[in-house]
Amino acid sequence: MIDRDKLNAAVEKALEIFVSLMPTMISSLRVKQHATGLEFTVGNPQLSERPISIFTEGGEIIVCFAGSDYHIADYDDRRTEAELVEDMILGVAGIVGGHLEAYEWLNGDVTIARGLMPAGSHRGEQWLDGADQFKVFTWETCGDYTLSKPITD
């Protein structure tokens, strides 16, 4: 069973250390208390509107980037707080290091799906039903791109 207070403290300590070791890749770390847990904002020095947000809610960690998110939890009551924090740091490092990208499938201006994927894993070979655009968002915005579905006869 994950202890909420231990998890909050472990996430805060891990992020403080991680951010201190990334002076050119991360601009800031902000912490905000909520009734359900803590909210951490990892600042992007290149694009302030594209931070990584991390939430602790109960015994879960939620990592959000560019409209996409993933959850880290102890679904089978066998993991420790440290193991959840390890997964979080690996994910944040993947985003900041350019190994994970956020993506968005669109039909016109309407988002139909979002998520995170390994960098460069989609180059337009397959398309989600109903989608006509695929957008990718990276920490260092020079890796952002948009693909439009090829028109077929």
Protein backbone atom coordinates (compact mmCIF):
# COMPACT_ATOMS: atom_id res chain seq x y z
CA MET A 1 0.00 0.00 0.00
CA ILE A 2 1.40 3.37 -1.03
CA ASP A 3 1.59 5.98 1.73
CA ARG A 4 0.47 9.36 0.34
CA ASP A 5 2.75 11.45 2.58
CA LYS A 6 5.80 9.29 1.81
CA LEU A 7 5.02 9.47 -1.90
CA ASN A 8 4.64 13.27 -1.84
CA ALA A 9 7.95 13.66 0.00
CA ALA A 10 9.77 11.24 -2.32
CA VAL A 11 8.45 12.93 -5.47
CA GLU A 12 9.45 16.36 -4.19
CA LYS A 13 12.95 15.25 -3.19
CA ALA A 14 13.54 13.39 -6.47
CA LEU A 15 12.37 16.32 -8.60
CA GLU A 16 14.48 18.82 -6.64
CA ILE A 17 17.59 16.70 -7.23
CA PHE A 18 16.74 16.03 -10.90
CA VAL A 19 16.05 19.70 -11.68
CA SER A 20 19.26 20.80 -9.93
CA LEU A 21 21.23 18.51 -12.27
CA MET A 22 19.63 19.93 -15.45
CA PRO A 23 20.46 23.68 -15.34
CA THR A 24 20.27 24.23 -19.11
CA MET A 25 17.37 21.86 -19.86
CA ILE A 26 14.97 22.87 -17.05
CA SER A 27 14.28 26.46 -16.02
CA SER A 28 12.40 25.98 -12.75
CA LEU A 29 10.47 23.77 -10.36
CA ARG A 30 7.31 25.02 -8.70
CA VAL A 31 5.26 23.16 -6.10
CA LYS A 32 1.62 23.80 -5.23
CA GLN A 33 -0.43 22.09 -2.53
CA HIS A 34 -3.93 20.81 -3.39
CA ALA A 35 -6.46 19.04 -1.21
CA THR A 36 -5.78 15.76 -3.05
CA GLY A 37 -1.98 16.01 -3.28
CA LEU A 38 0.83 18.08 -4.75
CA GLU A 39 1.27 19.70 -8.16
CA PHE A 40 4.80 20.13 -9.50
CA THR A 41 5.58 22.24 -12.56
CA VAL A 42 8.88 21.60 -14.33
CA GLY A 43 9.67 24.71 -16.37
CA ASN A 44 10.72 24.55 -20.01
CA PRO A 45 13.38 27.21 -20.71
CA GLN A 46 12.58 27.30 -24.44
CA LEU A 47 8.80 27.42 -24.27
CA SER A 48 7.29 28.46 -20.94
CA GLU A 49 3.80 27.40 -22.11
CA ARG A 50 5.01 23.79 -22.43
CA PRO A 51 6.05 22.62 -18.95
CA ILE A 52 5.81 19.15 -17.51
CA SER A 53 3.16 18.98 -14.80
CA ILE A 54 3.27 16.23 -12.20
CA PHE A 55 0.45 15.52 -9.80
CA THR A 56 0.31 13.24 -6.78
CA GLU A 57 -3.21 12.12 -6.01
CA GLY A 58 -3.65 9.54 -3.32
CA GLY A 59 -1.14 6.82 -4.12
CA GLU A 60 -0.70 7.75 -7.77
CA ILE A 61 1.61 9.98 -9.83
CA ILE A 62 0.30 11.63 -13.01
CA VAL A 63 2.82 13.06 -15.48
CA CYS A 64 1.41 15.54 -18.04
CA PHE A 65 3.14 17.03 -21.07
CA ALA A 66 1.69 18.92 -24.06
CA GLY A 67 -1.86 17.76 -23.41
CA SER A 68 -0.92 14.11 -22.89
CA ASP A 69 -0.52 12.26 -19.62
CA TYR A 70 0.28 8.92 -18.09
CA HIS A 71 -0.42 7.44 -14.68
CA ILE A 72 2.01 5.63 -12.40
CA ALA A 73 0.36 3.63 -9.65
CA ASP A 74 0.58 0.53 -7.51
CA TYR A 75 -2.34 -1.35 -9.03
CA ASP A 76 -1.42 -4.70 -7.50
CA ASP A 77 -0.19 -3.56 -4.03
CA ARG A 78 3.36 -4.79 -4.66
CA ARG A 79 5.24 -1.59 -5.50
CA THR A 80 6.92 0.90 -3.20
CA GLU A 81 6.91 4.68 -3.26
CA ALA A 82 10.51 4.60 -4.53
CA GLU A 83 9.52 2.41 -7.49
CA LEU A 84 6.76 4.81 -8.51
CA VAL A 85 9.16 7.76 -8.24
CA GLU A 86 11.73 5.85 -10.32
CA ASP A 87 9.16 5.45 -13.12
CA MET A 88 8.31 9.15 -12.88
CA ILE A 89 11.96 10.26 -13.14
CA LEU A 90 12.54 7.96 -16.11
CA GLY A 91 9.51 9.48 -17.86
CA VAL A 92 10.49 13.07 -17.12
CA ALA A 93 14.06 12.36 -18.24
CA GLY A 94 12.68 10.80 -21.43
CA ILE A 95 10.65 13.92 -22.23
CA VAL A 96 13.41 16.40 -21.37
CA GLY A 97 16.05 14.27 -23.14
CA GLY A 98 14.01 13.97 -26.33
CA HIS A 99 13.32 10.24 -26.05
CA LEU A 100 9.57 10.66 -25.45
CA GLU A 101 7.26 12.86 -27.49
CA ALA A 102 3.65 13.88 -26.99
CA TYR A 103 1.35 13.32 -29.94
CA GLU A 104 -2.13 14.34 -30.99
CA TRP A 105 -4.41 12.85 -33.65
CA LEU A 106 -6.82 15.36 -35.16
CA ASN A 107 -9.77 15.44 -37.51
CA GLY A 108 -9.74 19.04 -38.67
CA ASP A 109 -9.42 21.05 -35.46
CA VAL A 110 -10.90 18.32 -33.25
CA THR A 111 -8.54 16.19 -31.15
CA ILE A 112 -9.51 12.52 -31.29
CA ALA A 113 -6.58 10.99 -29.37
CA ARG A 114 -3.45 11.99 -27.46
CA GLY A 115 -0.58 10.21 -25.82
CA LEU A 116 3.15 9.81 -25.40
CA MET A 117 5.39 7.71 -27.64
CA PRO A 118 9.07 6.95 -28.18
CA ALA A 119 10.71 9.69 -30.22
CA GLY A 120 10.44 9.21 -33.97
CA SER A 121 8.20 6.18 -33.77
CA HIS A 122 5.51 7.58 -36.09
CA ARG A 123 6.32 8.98 -39.49
CA GLY A 124 2.98 8.64 -41.24
CA GLU A 125 2.93 4.94 -42.13
CA GLN A 126 -0.35 4.21 -40.34
CA TRP A 127 -3.31 6.44 -39.59
CA LEU A 128 -5.93 6.38 -36.87
CA ASP A 129 -9.43 6.00 -38.32
CA GLY A 130 -10.99 9.44 -38.78
CA ALA A 131 -7.72 11.35 -38.37
CA ASP A 132 -6.40 13.70 -41.03
CA GLN A 133 -3.51 15.20 -39.04
CA PHE A 134 -0.88 13.92 -36.65
CA LYS A 135 1.04 16.42 -34.48
CA VAL A 136 4.13 15.80 -32.37
CA PHE A 137 5.30 17.99 -29.49
CA THR A 138 8.80 17.83 -28.01
CA TRP A 139 10.54 19.46 -25.06
CA GLU A 140 12.98 21.23 -27.34
CA THR A 141 10.46 22.57 -29.81
CA CYS A 142 12.76 22.13 -32.81
CA GLY A 143 11.51 18.52 -32.92
CA ASP A 144 7.83 19.45 -33.32
CA TYR A 145 6.15 18.42 -36.55
CA THR A 146 2.75 17.95 -38.18
CA LEU A 147 1.86 15.30 -40.72
CA SER A 148 -1.20 15.53 -42.94
CA LYS A 149 -2.84 12.36 -44.18
CA PRO A 150 -2.01 11.72 -47.81
CA ILE A 151 -4.94 12.19 -50.17
CA THR A 152 -5.73 8.99 -52.03
CA ASP A 153 -7.90 8.57 -55.09
